[in-house]
């Protein structure tokens, strides 16, 4: 456990698998109260049971593309634990991303989850954080937000947007006491990346590698604001 996170409360979206699950586990291990959010209730129940420590864990079925769901998530977290100190925007979708393919439905889902979902989450917690002059928003982007990959044009566009939101928010929140961190993972061994090509002689990152980056960012002293972390495989 780390003294910086004892008594703190964190919400993690997309917590039902991969990076989100790893982040939730590391935050719980570090001593925080953790609220797991995702669309799949059965997976949330299973992960909560696996983590244990019931007093410090809550799960709320949430679709981040629906503002009412996100607002309920934050209100439920406050009912149980009081103030929300950390909000991790981790929910994401990688779908058919070539513009030439014209898969409009997939584009809309990626935009709704990867961009709108991030904004809805920020909007739901920011007023309280500003009033308390304390809080930390962590956005999980991607190294695809730095360089466009031909087969992932639309997905890359959404992750460029997350980085832009993070950078703009950091400027808007200067001197408010509220911090923001953008974390851009490279290829991680998750269901999301299972069909993505990757060199046979290289090892993908583990979800825990990204979770540890989150812990690093949120355990810095109050006067330190870690704005950008990029984590890539060697």
C-alpha atoms as a PDB file:
ATOM      1  CA  UNK A   1       0.000   0.000   0.000  1.00  0.00           C
ATOM      2  CA  UNK A   2       1.052   3.596  -0.592  1.00  0.00           C
ATOM      3  CA  UNK A   3       0.194   6.339   1.858  1.00  0.00           C
ATOM      4  CA  UNK A   4      -0.675   8.738  -0.990  1.00  0.00           C
ATOM      5  CA  UNK A   5      -3.679   6.599  -2.008  1.00  0.00           C
ATOM      6  CA  UNK A   6      -4.979   5.498   1.388  1.00  0.00           C
ATOM      7  CA  UNK A   7      -8.539   6.766   1.727  1.00  0.00           C
ATOM      8  CA  UNK A   8      -8.641   7.997  -1.881  1.00  0.00           C
ATOM      9  CA  UNK A   9     -11.377   6.923  -4.298  1.00  0.00           C
ATOM     10  CA  UNK A  10     -10.777   6.061  -7.958  1.00  0.00           C
ATOM     11  CA  UNK A  11     -13.166   5.257 -10.791  1.00  0.00           C
ATOM     12  CA  UNK A  12     -11.870   3.065 -13.625  1.00  0.00           C
ATOM     13  CA  UNK A  13     -13.899   2.715 -16.830  1.00  0.00           C
ATOM     14  CA  UNK A  14     -13.455  -0.255 -19.118  1.00  0.00           C
ATOM     15  CA  UNK A  15     -12.580  -2.244 -16.012  1.00  0.00           C
ATOM     16  CA  UNK A  16     -13.968  -5.579 -17.175  1.00  0.00           C
ATOM     17  CA  UNK A  17     -10.830  -6.706 -19.014  1.00  0.00           C
ATOM     18  CA  UNK A  18      -7.250  -6.002 -19.993  1.00  0.00           C
ATOM     19  CA  UNK A  19      -5.704  -2.701 -18.965  1.00  0.00           C
ATOM     20  CA  UNK A  20      -8.757  -1.582 -16.986  1.00  0.00           C
ATOM     21  CA  UNK A  21      -8.745  -4.683 -14.814  1.00  0.00           C
ATOM     22  CA  UNK A  22      -5.011  -4.328 -14.185  1.00  0.00           C
ATOM     23  CA  UNK A  23      -5.419  -0.656 -13.221  1.00  0.00           C
ATOM     24  CA  UNK A  24      -8.230  -1.530 -10.801  1.00  0.00           C
ATOM     25  CA  UNK A  25      -6.123  -4.258  -9.177  1.00  0.00           C
ATOM     26  CA  UNK A  26      -3.060  -2.005  -8.776  1.00  0.00           C
ATOM     27  CA  UNK A  27      -5.107   0.861  -7.316  1.00  0.00           C
ATOM     28  CA  UNK A  28      -6.760  -1.509  -4.839  1.00  0.00           C
ATOM     29  CA  UNK A  29      -3.380  -2.957  -3.916  1.00  0.00           C
ATOM     30  CA  UNK A  30      -2.107   0.591  -3.350  1.00  0.00           C
ATOM     31  CA  UNK A  31      -4.894   1.230  -0.830  1.00  0.00           C
ATOM     32  CA  UNK A  32      -7.492   3.170  -2.812  1.00  0.00           C
ATOM     33  CA  UNK A  33     -11.228   2.591  -2.880  1.00  0.00           C
ATOM     34  CA  UNK A  34     -11.919   1.526  -6.472  1.00  0.00           C
ATOM     35  CA  UNK A  35     -15.116   1.732  -8.493  1.00  0.00           C
ATOM     36  CA  UNK A  36     -15.155  -0.633 -11.478  1.00  0.00           C
ATOM     37  CA  UNK A  37     -17.209   0.500 -14.465  1.00  0.00           C
ATOM     38  CA  UNK A  38     -18.023  -1.391 -17.686  1.00  0.00           C
ATOM     39  CA  UNK A  39     -20.984  -2.589 -19.714  1.00  0.00           C
ATOM     40  CA  UNK A  40     -20.655  -6.293 -18.847  1.00  0.00           C
ATOM     41  CA  UNK A  41     -22.089  -6.812 -15.367  1.00  0.00           C
ATOM     42  CA  UNK A  42     -21.129 -10.486 -15.161  1.00  0.00           C
ATOM     43  CA  UNK A  43     -17.469  -9.729 -15.889  1.00  0.00           C
ATOM     44  CA  UNK A  44     -17.490  -6.931 -13.310  1.00  0.00           C
ATOM     45  CA  UNK A  45     -18.890  -9.311 -10.698  1.00  0.00           C
ATOM     46  CA  UNK A  46     -16.212 -11.878 -11.504  1.00  0.00           C
ATOM     47  CA  UNK A  47     -13.369  -9.349 -11.346  1.00  0.00           C
ATOM     48  CA  UNK A  48     -14.656  -7.876  -8.096  1.00  0.00           C
ATOM     49  CA  UNK A  49     -14.769 -11.368  -6.592  1.00  0.00           C
ATOM     50  CA  UNK A  50     -11.246 -12.054  -7.846  1.00  0.00           C
ATOM     51  CA  UNK A  51      -9.845  -8.851  -6.350  1.00  0.00           C
ATOM     52  CA  UNK A  52     -11.705  -9.344  -3.066  1.00  0.00           C
ATOM     53  CA  UNK A  53     -11.466  -6.645  -0.383  1.00  0.00           C
ATOM     54  CA  UNK A  54     -15.187  -5.897  -0.622  1.00  0.00           C
ATOM     55  CA  UNK A  55     -15.107  -2.803   1.583  1.00  0.00           C
ATOM     56  CA  UNK A  56     -12.779  -1.047  -0.855  1.00  0.00           C
ATOM     57  CA  UNK A  57     -14.429  -2.172  -4.064  1.00  0.00           C
ATOM     58  CA  UNK A  58     -17.631  -1.265  -5.886  1.00  0.00           C
ATOM     59  CA  UNK A  59     -18.789  -2.098  -9.393  1.00  0.00           C
ATOM     60  CA  UNK A  60     -21.346  -0.186 -11.443  1.00  0.00           C
ATOM     61  CA  UNK A  61     -22.618  -1.360 -14.818  1.00  0.00           C
ATOM     62  CA  UNK A  62     -21.926   1.587 -17.104  1.00  0.00           C
ATOM     63  CA  UNK A  63     -22.089   2.433 -20.799  1.00  0.00           C
ATOM     64  CA  UNK A  64     -19.751   5.415 -21.175  1.00  0.00           C
ATOM     65  CA  UNK A  65     -21.533   6.519 -24.354  1.00  0.00           C
ATOM     66  CA  UNK A  66     -24.614   7.368 -22.274  1.00  0.00           C
ATOM     67  CA  UNK A  67     -24.421  10.527 -20.185  1.00  0.00           C
ATOM     68  CA  UNK A  68     -27.023   9.241 -17.734  1.00  0.00           C
ATOM     69  CA  UNK A  69     -24.975   6.111 -17.076  1.00  0.00           C
ATOM     70  CA  UNK A  70     -21.809   8.124 -16.441  1.00  0.00           C
ATOM     71  CA  UNK A  71     -23.597  10.566 -14.150  1.00  0.00           C
ATOM     72  CA  UNK A  72     -25.093   7.653 -12.196  1.00  0.00           C
ATOM     73  CA  UNK A  73     -21.637   6.077 -11.923  1.00  0.00           C
ATOM     74  CA  UNK A  74     -20.123   9.144 -10.298  1.00  0.00           C
ATOM     75  CA  UNK A  75     -23.120   9.742  -8.035  1.00  0.00           C
ATOM     76  CA  UNK A  76     -23.067   6.121  -6.855  1.00  0.00           C
ATOM     77  CA  UNK A  77     -19.343   6.359  -6.152  1.00  0.00           C
ATOM     78  CA  UNK A  78     -19.896   9.508  -4.086  1.00  0.00           C
ATOM     79  CA  UNK A  79     -22.760   7.881  -2.161  1.00  0.00           C
ATOM     80  CA  UNK A  80     -20.523   5.006  -1.102  1.00  0.00           C
ATOM     81  CA  UNK A  81     -17.109   6.631  -0.699  1.00  0.00           C
ATOM     82  CA  UNK A  82     -17.573  10.398  -0.703  1.00  0.00           C
ATOM     83  CA  UNK A  83     -15.290  12.461  -2.914  1.00  0.00           C
ATOM     84  CA  UNK A  84     -13.870  11.083  -6.164  1.00  0.00           C
ATOM     85  CA  UNK A  85     -10.124  11.694  -6.253  1.00  0.00           C
ATOM     86  CA  UNK A  86      -9.091   9.866  -9.432  1.00  0.00           C
ATOM     87  CA  UNK A  87     -11.012   9.215 -12.638  1.00  0.00           C
ATOM     88  CA  UNK A  88      -9.385   6.862 -15.159  1.00  0.00           C
ATOM     89  CA  UNK A  89     -10.840   7.110 -18.671  1.00  0.00           C
ATOM     90  CA  UNK A  90      -9.805   3.688 -19.914  1.00  0.00           C
ATOM     91  CA  UNK A  91     -12.822   2.388 -21.852  1.00  0.00           C
ATOM     92  CA  UNK A  92     -11.945   2.109 -25.525  1.00  0.00           C
ATOM     93  CA  UNK A  93     -12.780   0.418 -28.798  1.00  0.00           C
ATOM     94  CA  UNK A  94     -10.647  -0.514 -31.797  1.00  0.00           C
ATOM     95  CA  UNK A  95     -12.801  -1.369 -34.789  1.00  0.00           C
ATOM     96  CA  UNK A  96     -12.766  -1.279 -38.588  1.00  0.00           C
ATOM     97  CA  UNK A  97     -10.734   1.864 -39.144  1.00  0.00           C
ATOM     98  CA  UNK A  98      -9.945   2.286 -42.851  1.00  0.00           C
ATOM     99  CA  UNK A  99     -11.793   5.237 -44.329  1.00  0.00           C
ATOM    100  CA  UNK A 100     -11.966   3.337 -47.640  1.00  0.00           C
ATOM    101  CA  UNK A 101     -13.919   0.549 -45.950  1.00  0.00           C
ATOM    102  CA  UNK A 102     -16.713   2.982 -45.145  1.00  0.00           C
ATOM    103  CA  UNK A 103     -17.822   1.156 -41.992  1.00  0.00           C
ATOM    104  CA  UNK A 104     -19.776   4.074 -40.574  1.00  0.00           C
ATOM    105  CA  UNK A 105     -21.286   2.083 -37.714  1.00  0.00           C
ATOM    106  CA  UNK A 106     -17.817   1.086 -36.448  1.00  0.00           C
ATOM    107  CA  UNK A 107     -16.601   4.684 -36.768  1.00  0.00           C
ATOM    108  CA  UNK A 108     -19.524   5.944 -34.721  1.00  0.00           C
ATOM    109  CA  UNK A 109     -18.904   3.397 -31.965  1.00  0.00           C
ATOM    110  CA  UNK A 110     -15.234   4.356 -31.743  1.00  0.00           C
ATOM    111  CA  UNK A 111     -16.049   8.061 -31.652  1.00  0.00           C
ATOM    112  CA  UNK A 112     -18.766   7.525 -29.035  1.00  0.00           C
ATOM    113  CA  UNK A 113     -16.595   5.406 -26.722  1.00  0.00           C
ATOM    114  CA  UNK A 114     -13.099   6.786 -27.323  1.00  0.00           C
ATOM    115  CA  UNK A 115     -13.954  10.494 -27.492  1.00  0.00           C
ATOM    116  CA  UNK A 116     -17.420  11.193 -26.139  1.00  0.00           C
ATOM    117  CA  UNK A 117     -16.994   8.681 -23.324  1.00  0.00           C
ATOM    118  CA  UNK A 118     -13.828  10.467 -22.209  1.00  0.00           C
ATOM    119  CA  UNK A 119     -15.548  13.850 -22.260  1.00  0.00           C
ATOM    120  CA  UNK A 120     -18.597  12.569 -20.384  1.00  0.00           C
ATOM    121  CA  UNK A 121     -16.361  11.125 -17.669  1.00  0.00           C
ATOM    122  CA  UNK A 122     -14.401  14.345 -17.278  1.00  0.00           C
ATOM    123  CA  UNK A 123     -17.595  16.400 -17.204  1.00  0.00           C
ATOM    124  CA  UNK A 124     -19.088  14.214 -14.467  1.00  0.00           C
ATOM    125  CA  UNK A 125     -16.241  14.700 -11.967  1.00  0.00           C
ATOM    126  CA  UNK A 126     -14.618  18.014 -12.835  1.00  0.00           C
ATOM    127  CA  UNK A 127     -16.958  20.452 -11.029  1.00  0.00           C
ATOM    128  CA  UNK A 128     -16.413  18.743  -7.648  1.00  0.00           C
ATOM    129  CA  UNK A 129     -12.672  18.471  -8.239  1.00  0.00           C
ATOM    130  CA  UNK A 130     -12.448  22.157  -9.103  1.00  0.00           C
ATOM    131  CA  UNK A 131     -14.452  23.119  -6.031  1.00  0.00           C
ATOM    132  CA  UNK A 132     -12.134  21.067  -3.806  1.00  0.00           C
ATOM    133  CA  UNK A 133      -9.045  22.170  -5.767  1.00  0.00           C
ATOM    134  CA  UNK A 134      -7.980  18.543  -5.788  1.00  0.00           C
ATOM    135  CA  UNK A 135      -8.326  15.572  -8.110  1.00  0.00           C
ATOM    136  CA  UNK A 136      -6.657  13.682 -10.920  1.00  0.00           C
ATOM    137  CA  UNK A 137      -7.990  12.734 -14.348  1.00  0.00           C
ATOM    138  CA  UNK A 138      -6.092  10.009 -16.204  1.00  0.00           C
ATOM    139  CA  UNK A 139      -6.845   9.427 -19.887  1.00  0.00           C
ATOM    140  CA  UNK A 140      -5.641   6.224 -21.518  1.00  0.00           C
ATOM    141  CA  UNK A 141      -4.833   7.094 -25.132  1.00  0.00           C
ATOM    142  CA  UNK A 142      -2.462   5.113 -27.409  1.00  0.00           C
ATOM    143  CA  UNK A 143       0.780   5.509 -29.266  1.00  0.00           C
ATOM    144  CA  UNK A 144      -1.543   5.448 -32.286  1.00  0.00           C
ATOM    145  CA  UNK A 145      -2.320   9.002 -31.199  1.00  0.00           C
ATOM    146  CA  UNK A 146       1.158  10.071 -32.349  1.00  0.00           C
ATOM    147  CA  UNK A 147       1.344   8.509 -35.800  1.00  0.00           C
ATOM    148  CA  UNK A 148      -1.414   7.366 -38.147  1.00  0.00           C
ATOM    149  CA  UNK A 149      -1.339   3.717 -39.163  1.00  0.00           C
ATOM    150  CA  UNK A 150      -2.922   3.096 -42.565  1.00  0.00           C
ATOM    151  CA  UNK A 151      -5.216   0.297 -41.435  1.00  0.00           C
ATOM    152  CA  UNK A 152      -6.254   2.250 -38.306  1.00  0.00           C
ATOM    153  CA  UNK A 153      -7.053   5.706 -39.658  1.00  0.00           C
ATOM    154  CA  UNK A 154     -10.246   6.338 -37.709  1.00  0.00           C
ATOM    155  CA  UNK A 155      -9.021   4.661 -34.518  1.00  0.00           C
ATOM    156  CA  UNK A 156      -5.859   6.782 -34.656  1.00  0.00           C
ATOM    157  CA  UNK A 157      -8.017   9.877 -35.133  1.00  0.00           C
ATOM    158  CA  UNK A 158      -9.896   9.121 -31.913  1.00  0.00           C
ATOM    159  CA  UNK A 159      -6.642   8.664 -29.983  1.00  0.00           C
ATOM    160  CA  UNK A 160      -5.218  11.893 -31.435  1.00  0.00           C
ATOM    161  CA  UNK A 161      -8.390  13.468 -30.034  1.00  0.00           C
ATOM    162  CA  UNK A 162      -7.821  11.993 -26.562  1.00  0.00           C
ATOM    163  CA  UNK A 163      -4.300  13.423 -26.521  1.00  0.00           C
ATOM    164  CA  UNK A 164      -5.643  16.815 -27.628  1.00  0.00           C
ATOM    165  CA  UNK A 165      -8.295  16.765 -24.912  1.00  0.00           C
ATOM    166  CA  UNK A 166      -5.658  15.861 -22.329  1.00  0.00           C
ATOM    167  CA  UNK A 167      -3.291  18.615 -23.475  1.00  0.00           C
ATOM    168  CA  UNK A 168      -6.044  21.229 -23.549  1.00  0.00           C
ATOM    169  CA  UNK A 169      -7.412  20.180 -20.178  1.00  0.00           C
ATOM    170  CA  UNK A 170      -3.961  20.455 -18.629  1.00  0.00           C
ATOM    171  CA  UNK A 171      -3.821  24.081 -19.766  1.00  0.00           C
ATOM    172  CA  UNK A 172      -7.379  24.827 -18.623  1.00  0.00           C
ATOM    173  CA  UNK A 173      -6.675  23.377 -15.179  1.00  0.00           C
ATOM    174  CA  UNK A 174      -3.372  25.152 -14.567  1.00  0.00           C
ATOM    175  CA  UNK A 175      -3.140  26.433 -10.966  1.00  0.00           C
ATOM    176  CA  UNK A 176      -6.463  24.827  -9.973  1.00  0.00           C
ATOM    177  CA  UNK A 177      -5.029  21.901  -8.000  1.00  0.00           C
ATOM    178  CA  UNK A 178      -6.627  19.421 -10.412  1.00  0.00           C
ATOM    179  CA  UNK A 179      -4.137  17.348 -12.374  1.00  0.00           C
ATOM    180  CA  UNK A 180      -4.403  15.471 -15.651  1.00  0.00           C
ATOM    181  CA  UNK A 181      -2.272  12.709 -17.145  1.00  0.00           C
ATOM    182  CA  UNK A 182      -2.369  11.231 -20.626  1.00  0.00           C
ATOM    183  CA  UNK A 183      -0.958   7.700 -20.891  1.00  0.00           C
ATOM    184  CA  UNK A 184      -0.235   6.314 -24.364  1.00  0.00           C
ATOM    185  CA  UNK A 185       0.442   2.565 -24.426  1.00  0.00           C
ATOM    186  CA  UNK A 186       2.059   0.762 -27.318  1.00  0.00           C
ATOM    187  CA  UNK A 187       0.947  -2.772 -28.150  1.00  0.00           C
ATOM    188  CA  UNK A 188      -0.442  -4.452 -25.026  1.00  0.00           C
ATOM    189  CA  UNK A 189      -1.432  -8.100 -24.670  1.00  0.00           C
ATOM    190  CA  UNK A 190      -5.210  -7.641 -24.406  1.00  0.00           C
ATOM    191  CA  UNK A 191      -8.342  -8.860 -26.226  1.00  0.00           C
ATOM    192  CA  UNK A 192      -8.364  -5.473 -27.999  1.00  0.00           C
ATOM    193  CA  UNK A 193      -4.995  -6.163 -29.632  1.00  0.00           C
ATOM    194  CA  UNK A 194      -5.368  -9.905 -30.214  1.00  0.00           C
ATOM    195  CA  UNK A 195      -5.861  -9.557 -33.980  1.00  0.00           C
ATOM    196  CA  UNK A 196      -3.306  -6.785 -34.499  1.00  0.00           C
ATOM    197  CA  UNK A 197      -0.070  -7.790 -36.280  1.00  0.00           C
ATOM    198  CA  UNK A 198       3.050  -7.754 -34.122  1.00  0.00           C
ATOM    199  CA  UNK A 199       6.609  -8.998 -34.626  1.00  0.00           C
ATOM    200  CA  UNK A 200       7.115 -12.594 -33.462  1.00  0.00           C
ATOM    201  CA  UNK A 201      10.454 -11.768 -31.853  1.00  0.00           C
ATOM    202  CA  UNK A 202       9.088  -8.978 -29.674  1.00  0.00           C
ATOM    203  CA  UNK A 203       7.061  -9.206 -26.478  1.00  0.00           C
ATOM    204  CA  UNK A 204       3.925  -7.128 -26.125  1.00  0.00           C
ATOM    205  CA  UNK A 205       3.449  -5.045 -23.017  1.00  0.00           C
ATOM    206  CA  UNK A 206       1.461  -6.533 -20.160  1.00  0.00           C
ATOM    207  CA  UNK A 207      -1.630  -4.695 -18.834  1.00  0.00           C
ATOM    208  CA  UNK A 208       0.164  -4.365 -15.496  1.00  0.00           C
ATOM    209  CA  UNK A 209       2.858  -2.275 -17.202  1.00  0.00           C
ATOM    210  CA  UNK A 210       0.260   0.383 -17.966  1.00  0.00           C
ATOM    211  CA  UNK A 211      -1.337   0.069 -14.536  1.00  0.00           C
ATOM    212  CA  UNK A 212       2.011   0.826 -12.929  1.00  0.00           C
ATOM    213  CA  UNK A 213       2.297   3.965 -15.058  1.00  0.00           C
ATOM    214  CA  UNK A 214      -1.060   5.075 -13.640  1.00  0.00           C
ATOM    215  CA  UNK A 215       0.146   4.437 -10.091  1.00  0.00           C
ATOM    216  CA  UNK A 216       3.301   6.442 -10.788  1.00  0.00           C
ATOM    217  CA  UNK A 217       1.303   9.437 -12.043  1.00  0.00           C
ATOM    218  CA  UNK A 218      -1.269   9.512  -9.245  1.00  0.00           C
ATOM    219  CA  UNK A 219       1.216   9.074  -6.393  1.00  0.00           C
ATOM    220  CA  UNK A 220       3.373  12.094  -7.174  1.00  0.00           C
ATOM    221  CA  UNK A 221       3.532  14.993  -4.675  1.00  0.00           C
ATOM    222  CA  UNK A 222       0.800  17.617  -5.004  1.00  0.00           C
ATOM    223  CA  UNK A 223       3.151  20.055  -6.739  1.00  0.00           C
ATOM    224  CA  UNK A 224       4.030  17.531  -9.491  1.00  0.00           C
ATOM    225  CA  UNK A 225       1.757  17.160 -12.521  1.00  0.00           C
ATOM    226  CA  UNK A 226       2.783  14.308 -14.835  1.00  0.00           C
ATOM    227  CA  UNK A 227       1.107  15.283 -18.089  1.00  0.00           C
ATOM    228  CA  UNK A 228       2.252  12.654 -20.588  1.00  0.00           C
ATOM    229  CA  UNK A 229       3.533   9.088 -20.298  1.00  0.00           C
ATOM    230  CA  UNK A 230       4.268   6.907 -23.339  1.00  0.00           C
ATOM    231  CA  UNK A 231       4.895   3.200 -22.725  1.00  0.00           C
ATOM    232  CA  UNK A 232       6.129   1.080 -25.621  1.00  0.00           C
ATOM    233  CA  UNK A 233       7.480  -2.460 -25.987  1.00  0.00           C
ATOM    234  CA  UNK A 234      11.267  -2.690 -26.277  1.00  0.00           C
END
